[in-house]
């Protein structure tokens, strides 16, 4: 999965000489909390957040009689941490965590082509884990050695089950890892019975979404 798959293409942007008040209005009307700043050629030169604008406008003195207005370039952050469209999605998430930022402009060369935010990554993470499906969610602990996932997948496939997503992570105790799977095509009890045939596999949790109630019915 790459940044281009989930980014917002051609995001709303402002110029360095734009009025910060106009920037605030754009954030509110567009439902965004950050604005890339580009020059006349579309080259990324900075980024400004709604909070940056609020703080600036609450503390900035009058621009004075020689200037008609304040400018976004007084508020924007530059240089900007940005990524390319073919940057791995998990690496973009790592950058946001490392630098404590909520979004990254996406550039080709120096030209702005998109914007990716924490909300975009969170939504994709939920989709990848099957959060919008009514599948069996199963977490198991298996030995951390080659072939364990393939062996588990083979057992599930023999019962007609289809693994729609899988996430793995090592546990603190050396030599084990946890696997969280979303499985379709097999009944819950049959799935658990099949997995329990392998004594090396420990079932940690099983979860299925309850049917949602429809109000008024």
C-alpha atoms as a PDB file:
ATOM      1  CA  UNK A   1       0.000   0.000   0.000  1.00  0.00           C
ATOM      2  CA  UNK A   2       1.392   3.378  -1.025  1.00  0.00           C
ATOM      3  CA  UNK A   3       0.660   6.987  -0.206  1.00  0.00           C
ATOM      4  CA  UNK A   4      -0.934   7.522  -3.622  1.00  0.00           C
ATOM      5  CA  UNK A   5      -3.610   4.924  -2.760  1.00  0.00           C
ATOM      6  CA  UNK A   6      -5.114   6.919   0.124  1.00  0.00           C
ATOM      7  CA  UNK A   7      -3.955  10.539  -0.294  1.00  0.00           C
ATOM      8  CA  UNK A   8      -6.270  13.404  -1.170  1.00  0.00           C
ATOM      9  CA  UNK A   9      -5.186  14.488  -4.667  1.00  0.00           C
ATOM     10  CA  UNK A  10      -4.968  18.159  -5.605  1.00  0.00           C
ATOM     11  CA  UNK A  11      -5.623  19.415  -2.063  1.00  0.00           C
ATOM     12  CA  UNK A  12      -6.737  22.935  -1.218  1.00  0.00           C
ATOM     13  CA  UNK A  13      -3.648  25.143  -0.969  1.00  0.00           C
ATOM     14  CA  UNK A  14      -2.825  28.804  -0.392  1.00  0.00           C
ATOM     15  CA  UNK A  15      -0.130  31.196  -1.579  1.00  0.00           C
ATOM     16  CA  UNK A  16       2.536  32.722   0.678  1.00  0.00           C
ATOM     17  CA  UNK A  17       0.970  36.175   0.260  1.00  0.00           C
ATOM     18  CA  UNK A  18      -2.546  34.973   1.143  1.00  0.00           C
ATOM     19  CA  UNK A  19      -4.355  36.576   4.074  1.00  0.00           C
ATOM     20  CA  UNK A  20      -4.291  34.367   7.210  1.00  0.00           C
ATOM     21  CA  UNK A  21      -7.946  35.315   7.757  1.00  0.00           C
ATOM     22  CA  UNK A  22      -8.724  33.850   4.357  1.00  0.00           C
ATOM     23  CA  UNK A  23      -6.777  30.745   5.329  1.00  0.00           C
ATOM     24  CA  UNK A  24      -8.933  30.352   8.434  1.00  0.00           C
ATOM     25  CA  UNK A  25     -12.073  30.712   6.335  1.00  0.00           C
ATOM     26  CA  UNK A  26     -10.819  28.035   3.927  1.00  0.00           C
ATOM     27  CA  UNK A  27     -10.130  25.629   6.789  1.00  0.00           C
ATOM     28  CA  UNK A  28     -13.627  26.102   8.184  1.00  0.00           C
ATOM     29  CA  UNK A  29     -15.488  25.952   4.878  1.00  0.00           C
ATOM     30  CA  UNK A  30     -13.405  23.092   3.496  1.00  0.00           C
ATOM     31  CA  UNK A  31     -13.389  21.019   6.681  1.00  0.00           C
ATOM     32  CA  UNK A  32      -9.586  20.777   6.712  1.00  0.00           C
ATOM     33  CA  UNK A  33      -7.100  21.469   9.481  1.00  0.00           C
ATOM     34  CA  UNK A  34      -3.989  22.183   7.417  1.00  0.00           C
ATOM     35  CA  UNK A  35      -3.160  23.931   4.171  1.00  0.00           C
ATOM     36  CA  UNK A  36      -0.088  23.403   1.983  1.00  0.00           C
ATOM     37  CA  UNK A  37       1.478  26.647   0.784  1.00  0.00           C
ATOM     38  CA  UNK A  38       2.569  26.790  -2.860  1.00  0.00           C
ATOM     39  CA  UNK A  39       4.112  29.430  -5.080  1.00  0.00           C
ATOM     40  CA  UNK A  40       2.784  30.491  -8.478  1.00  0.00           C
ATOM     41  CA  UNK A  41       4.289  27.434 -10.180  1.00  0.00           C
ATOM     42  CA  UNK A  42       2.675  25.000  -7.724  1.00  0.00           C
ATOM     43  CA  UNK A  43       5.959  24.336  -5.904  1.00  0.00           C
ATOM     44  CA  UNK A  44       5.524  23.440  -2.249  1.00  0.00           C
ATOM     45  CA  UNK A  45       7.112  26.116  -0.043  1.00  0.00           C
ATOM     46  CA  UNK A  46       5.422  25.590   3.336  1.00  0.00           C
ATOM     47  CA  UNK A  47       2.467  24.335   5.320  1.00  0.00           C
ATOM     48  CA  UNK A  48       0.170  26.015   7.825  1.00  0.00           C
ATOM     49  CA  UNK A  49      -2.326  24.465  10.226  1.00  0.00           C
ATOM     50  CA  UNK A  50      -5.598  25.847  11.484  1.00  0.00           C
ATOM     51  CA  UNK A  51      -4.117  26.036  14.985  1.00  0.00           C
ATOM     52  CA  UNK A  52      -1.128  27.995  13.664  1.00  0.00           C
ATOM     53  CA  UNK A  53      -3.503  30.503  12.086  1.00  0.00           C
ATOM     54  CA  UNK A  54      -5.650  30.799  15.198  1.00  0.00           C
ATOM     55  CA  UNK A  55      -2.638  31.467  17.414  1.00  0.00           C
ATOM     56  CA  UNK A  56      -1.153  33.979  15.004  1.00  0.00           C
ATOM     57  CA  UNK A  57      -4.371  35.930  14.538  1.00  0.00           C
ATOM     58  CA  UNK A  58      -4.987  36.022  18.283  1.00  0.00           C
ATOM     59  CA  UNK A  59      -1.580  37.554  19.026  1.00  0.00           C
ATOM     60  CA  UNK A  60      -0.458  39.390  15.882  1.00  0.00           C
ATOM     61  CA  UNK A  61      -0.396  43.206  16.009  1.00  0.00           C
ATOM     62  CA  UNK A  62      -1.978  45.312  13.304  1.00  0.00           C
ATOM     63  CA  UNK A  63      -0.060  45.007  10.018  1.00  0.00           C
ATOM     64  CA  UNK A  64       0.274  48.801   9.975  1.00  0.00           C
ATOM     65  CA  UNK A  65      -0.592  51.466   7.467  1.00  0.00           C
ATOM     66  CA  UNK A  66       2.141  50.410   5.032  1.00  0.00           C
ATOM     67  CA  UNK A  67       0.749  46.884   4.660  1.00  0.00           C
ATOM     68  CA  UNK A  68      -2.788  45.954   3.738  1.00  0.00           C
ATOM     69  CA  UNK A  69      -2.757  42.653   5.598  1.00  0.00           C
ATOM     70  CA  UNK A  70      -0.707  39.965   7.269  1.00  0.00           C
ATOM     71  CA  UNK A  71       0.535  37.136   5.057  1.00  0.00           C
ATOM     72  CA  UNK A  72       0.483  33.350   5.363  1.00  0.00           C
ATOM     73  CA  UNK A  73       4.272  33.285   4.882  1.00  0.00           C
ATOM     74  CA  UNK A  74       4.532  34.878   8.341  1.00  0.00           C
ATOM     75  CA  UNK A  75       2.823  31.825   9.844  1.00  0.00           C
ATOM     76  CA  UNK A  76       3.747  28.873   7.645  1.00  0.00           C
ATOM     77  CA  UNK A  77       6.252  26.222   8.583  1.00  0.00           C
ATOM     78  CA  UNK A  78       9.164  25.796   6.205  1.00  0.00           C
ATOM     79  CA  UNK A  79      10.961  23.683   5.118  1.00  0.00           C
ATOM     80  CA  UNK A  80       8.260  21.027   4.946  1.00  0.00           C
ATOM     81  CA  UNK A  81       8.487  17.295   5.573  1.00  0.00           C
ATOM     82  CA  UNK A  82       6.915  15.738   2.495  1.00  0.00           C
ATOM     83  CA  UNK A  83       6.701  12.372   0.733  1.00  0.00           C
ATOM     84  CA  UNK A  84       6.441  11.052  -2.813  1.00  0.00           C
ATOM     85  CA  UNK A  85       3.258   9.323  -4.086  1.00  0.00           C
ATOM     86  CA  UNK A  86       5.024   5.932  -4.172  1.00  0.00           C
ATOM     87  CA  UNK A  87       6.209   6.212  -0.557  1.00  0.00           C
ATOM     88  CA  UNK A  88       5.113   3.190   1.549  1.00  0.00           C
ATOM     89  CA  UNK A  89       2.080   3.996   3.685  1.00  0.00           C
ATOM     90  CA  UNK A  90       3.582   2.600   6.885  1.00  0.00           C
ATOM     91  CA  UNK A  91       6.684   4.761   6.388  1.00  0.00           C
ATOM     92  CA  UNK A  92       4.498   7.848   6.055  1.00  0.00           C
ATOM     93  CA  UNK A  93       2.854   6.884   9.352  1.00  0.00           C
ATOM     94  CA  UNK A  94       6.288   6.485  10.933  1.00  0.00           C
ATOM     95  CA  UNK A  95       7.270  10.003   9.847  1.00  0.00           C
ATOM     96  CA  UNK A  96       4.103  11.483  11.344  1.00  0.00           C
ATOM     97  CA  UNK A  97       4.752   9.708  14.645  1.00  0.00           C
ATOM     98  CA  UNK A  98       8.440  10.649  14.702  1.00  0.00           C
ATOM     99  CA  UNK A  99       7.869  14.335  14.051  1.00  0.00           C
ATOM    100  CA  UNK A 100       4.523  14.662  15.830  1.00  0.00           C
ATOM    101  CA  UNK A 101       2.664  15.948  12.773  1.00  0.00           C
ATOM    102  CA  UNK A 102      -0.836  15.237  11.550  1.00  0.00           C
ATOM    103  CA  UNK A 103      -0.305  15.295   7.807  1.00  0.00           C
ATOM    104  CA  UNK A 104       2.226  15.219   4.979  1.00  0.00           C
ATOM    105  CA  UNK A 105       2.130  17.029   1.657  1.00  0.00           C
ATOM    106  CA  UNK A 106       2.728  14.715  -1.287  1.00  0.00           C
ATOM    107  CA  UNK A 107       5.018  16.006  -4.014  1.00  0.00           C
ATOM    108  CA  UNK A 108       6.362  14.954  -7.379  1.00  0.00           C
ATOM    109  CA  UNK A 109       9.643  16.749  -7.691  1.00  0.00           C
ATOM    110  CA  UNK A 110       8.781  19.938  -5.804  1.00  0.00           C
ATOM    111  CA  UNK A 111       5.228  20.229  -7.123  1.00  0.00           C
ATOM    112  CA  UNK A 112       2.324  19.555  -4.759  1.00  0.00           C
ATOM    113  CA  UNK A 113       0.100  16.683  -5.931  1.00  0.00           C
ATOM    114  CA  UNK A 114      -1.633  15.505  -2.765  1.00  0.00           C
ATOM    115  CA  UNK A 115      -1.991  15.480   1.007  1.00  0.00           C
ATOM    116  CA  UNK A 116      -2.121  12.524   3.387  1.00  0.00           C
ATOM    117  CA  UNK A 117      -3.266  12.816   7.011  1.00  0.00           C
ATOM    118  CA  UNK A 118      -3.388  10.640  10.099  1.00  0.00           C
ATOM    119  CA  UNK A 119      -7.119  10.223   9.506  1.00  0.00           C
ATOM    120  CA  UNK A 120      -6.420   8.800   6.027  1.00  0.00           C
ATOM    121  CA  UNK A 121      -3.946   6.277   7.442  1.00  0.00           C
ATOM    122  CA  UNK A 122      -6.225   5.358  10.354  1.00  0.00           C
ATOM    123  CA  UNK A 123      -9.126   4.713   7.974  1.00  0.00           C
ATOM    124  CA  UNK A 124      -6.953   2.560   5.731  1.00  0.00           C
ATOM    125  CA  UNK A 125      -5.642   0.643   8.747  1.00  0.00           C
ATOM    126  CA  UNK A 126      -9.220  -0.100   9.821  1.00  0.00           C
ATOM    127  CA  UNK A 127     -10.127  -1.256   6.301  1.00  0.00           C
ATOM    128  CA  UNK A 128      -7.014  -3.447   6.093  1.00  0.00           C
ATOM    129  CA  UNK A 129      -8.018  -5.170   9.318  1.00  0.00           C
ATOM    130  CA  UNK A 130     -11.513  -5.761   7.958  1.00  0.00           C
ATOM    131  CA  UNK A 131     -13.270  -3.381  10.338  1.00  0.00           C
ATOM    132  CA  UNK A 132     -16.052  -2.781   7.801  1.00  0.00           C
ATOM    133  CA  UNK A 133     -16.828  -6.481   7.361  1.00  0.00           C
ATOM    134  CA  UNK A 134     -18.753  -9.080   9.369  1.00  0.00           C
ATOM    135  CA  UNK A 135     -15.921 -11.608   9.410  1.00  0.00           C
ATOM    136  CA  UNK A 136     -14.507 -13.732  12.202  1.00  0.00           C
ATOM    137  CA  UNK A 137     -11.662 -11.890  13.942  1.00  0.00           C
ATOM    138  CA  UNK A 138      -9.218 -14.343  15.400  1.00  0.00           C
ATOM    139  CA  UNK A 139      -5.993 -13.747  17.353  1.00  0.00           C
ATOM    140  CA  UNK A 140      -3.634 -16.663  17.911  1.00  0.00           C
ATOM    141  CA  UNK A 141      -0.145 -17.122  19.320  1.00  0.00           C
ATOM    142  CA  UNK A 142       2.228 -19.245  17.270  1.00  0.00           C
ATOM    143  CA  UNK A 143       5.925 -20.111  17.448  1.00  0.00           C
ATOM    144  CA  UNK A 144       8.060 -17.412  15.810  1.00  0.00           C
ATOM    145  CA  UNK A 145       9.624 -19.587  13.150  1.00  0.00           C
ATOM    146  CA  UNK A 146       9.371 -20.002   9.374  1.00  0.00           C
ATOM    147  CA  UNK A 147       6.304 -21.775   8.037  1.00  0.00           C
ATOM    148  CA  UNK A 148       3.922 -21.258  10.964  1.00  0.00           C
ATOM    149  CA  UNK A 149       1.658 -18.798   9.123  1.00  0.00           C
ATOM    150  CA  UNK A 150       1.618 -21.016   6.032  1.00  0.00           C
ATOM    151  CA  UNK A 151       0.701 -24.039   8.136  1.00  0.00           C
ATOM    152  CA  UNK A 152      -2.137 -22.167   9.846  1.00  0.00           C
ATOM    153  CA  UNK A 153      -3.403 -20.807   6.520  1.00  0.00           C
ATOM    154  CA  UNK A 154      -3.362 -24.310   5.068  1.00  0.00           C
ATOM    155  CA  UNK A 155      -5.542 -25.673   7.871  1.00  0.00           C
ATOM    156  CA  UNK A 156      -8.032 -22.842   7.428  1.00  0.00           C
ATOM    157  CA  UNK A 157      -8.111 -23.328   3.646  1.00  0.00           C
ATOM    158  CA  UNK A 158      -8.837 -27.049   4.045  1.00  0.00           C
ATOM    159  CA  UNK A 159     -12.082 -26.118   5.792  1.00  0.00           C
ATOM    160  CA  UNK A 160     -13.029 -23.653   3.040  1.00  0.00           C
ATOM    161  CA  UNK A 161     -11.936 -20.612   5.019  1.00  0.00           C
ATOM    162  CA  UNK A 162     -10.423 -17.565   3.351  1.00  0.00           C
ATOM    163  CA  UNK A 163      -8.026 -15.270   5.215  1.00  0.00           C
ATOM    164  CA  UNK A 164      -8.990 -11.738   4.140  1.00  0.00           C
ATOM    165  CA  UNK A 165      -6.417  -9.908   6.270  1.00  0.00           C
ATOM    166  CA  UNK A 166      -3.593 -10.728   8.647  1.00  0.00           C
ATOM    167  CA  UNK A 167      -1.449  -8.652  11.008  1.00  0.00           C
ATOM    168  CA  UNK A 168       1.473 -10.058  12.970  1.00  0.00           C
ATOM    169  CA  UNK A 169       3.566  -8.768  15.844  1.00  0.00           C
ATOM    170  CA  UNK A 170       6.176 -10.291  18.104  1.00  0.00           C
ATOM    171  CA  UNK A 171       5.392 -10.657  21.781  1.00  0.00           C
ATOM    172  CA  UNK A 172       7.719  -9.830  24.637  1.00  0.00           C
ATOM    173  CA  UNK A 173       8.478 -13.453  25.403  1.00  0.00           C
ATOM    174  CA  UNK A 174      11.093 -14.535  22.889  1.00  0.00           C
ATOM    175  CA  UNK A 175      10.148 -17.141  20.321  1.00  0.00           C
ATOM    176  CA  UNK A 176       6.449 -16.322  19.884  1.00  0.00           C
ATOM    177  CA  UNK A 177       4.335 -14.034  17.744  1.00  0.00           C
ATOM    178  CA  UNK A 178       0.669 -13.082  17.670  1.00  0.00           C
ATOM    179  CA  UNK A 179      -1.364 -13.243  14.476  1.00  0.00           C
ATOM    180  CA  UNK A 180      -4.662 -11.419  14.060  1.00  0.00           C
ATOM    181  CA  UNK A 181      -6.711 -12.709  11.136  1.00  0.00           C
ATOM    182  CA  UNK A 182     -10.046 -11.914   9.532  1.00  0.00           C
ATOM    183  CA  UNK A 183     -11.545 -15.111   8.142  1.00  0.00           C
ATOM    184  CA  UNK A 184     -14.523 -15.714   5.854  1.00  0.00           C
ATOM    185  CA  UNK A 185     -16.163 -18.815   4.413  1.00  0.00           C
ATOM    186  CA  UNK A 186     -16.114 -21.074   7.469  1.00  0.00           C
ATOM    187  CA  UNK A 187     -18.292 -21.424  10.565  1.00  0.00           C
ATOM    188  CA  UNK A 188     -16.824 -20.170  13.819  1.00  0.00           C
ATOM    189  CA  UNK A 189     -16.907 -23.480  15.702  1.00  0.00           C
ATOM    190  CA  UNK A 190     -15.420 -25.394  12.784  1.00  0.00           C
ATOM    191  CA  UNK A 191     -12.646 -22.826  12.453  1.00  0.00           C
ATOM    192  CA  UNK A 192     -11.713 -23.090  16.125  1.00  0.00           C
ATOM    193  CA  UNK A 193     -11.846 -26.884  16.046  1.00  0.00           C
ATOM    194  CA  UNK A 194      -9.463 -26.948  13.102  1.00  0.00           C
ATOM    195  CA  UNK A 195      -6.976 -24.561  14.696  1.00  0.00           C
ATOM    196  CA  UNK A 196      -6.966 -26.471  17.978  1.00  0.00           C
ATOM    197  CA  UNK A 197      -5.674 -29.551  16.140  1.00  0.00           C
ATOM    198  CA  UNK A 198      -2.233 -27.918  16.262  1.00  0.00           C
ATOM    199  CA  UNK A 199      -1.006 -28.004  19.888  1.00  0.00           C
ATOM    200  CA  UNK A 200       1.600 -25.329  19.129  1.00  0.00           C
ATOM    201  CA  UNK A 201      -1.120 -22.746  18.395  1.00  0.00           C
ATOM    202  CA  UNK A 202      -2.846 -20.906  21.244  1.00  0.00           C
ATOM    203  CA  UNK A 203      -6.133 -19.135  20.565  1.00  0.00           C
ATOM    204  CA  UNK A 204      -6.075 -15.806  22.392  1.00  0.00           C
ATOM    205  CA  UNK A 205      -9.373 -14.266  21.291  1.00  0.00           C
ATOM    206  CA  UNK A 206     -12.290 -14.711  18.924  1.00  0.00           C
ATOM    207  CA  UNK A 207     -14.625 -11.873  18.032  1.00  0.00           C
ATOM    208  CA  UNK A 208     -17.551 -11.370  15.672  1.00  0.00           C
ATOM    209  CA  UNK A 209     -19.535  -8.200  15.270  1.00  0.00           C
ATOM    210  CA  UNK A 210     -23.019  -8.356  16.749  1.00  0.00           C
ATOM    211  CA  UNK A 211     -25.860  -7.541  14.344  1.00  0.00           C
ATOM    212  CA  UNK A 212     -26.474  -3.819  14.556  1.00  0.00           C
ATOM    213  CA  UNK A 213     -29.885  -2.798  15.777  1.00  0.00           C
ATOM    214  CA  UNK A 214     -31.869  -0.489  13.531  1.00  0.00           C
ATOM    215  CA  UNK A 215     -33.585   2.245  15.483  1.00  0.00           C
ATOM    216  CA  UNK A 216     -37.342   2.484  15.044  1.00  0.00           C
ATOM    217  CA  UNK A 217     -37.791  -1.177  14.107  1.00  0.00           C
END
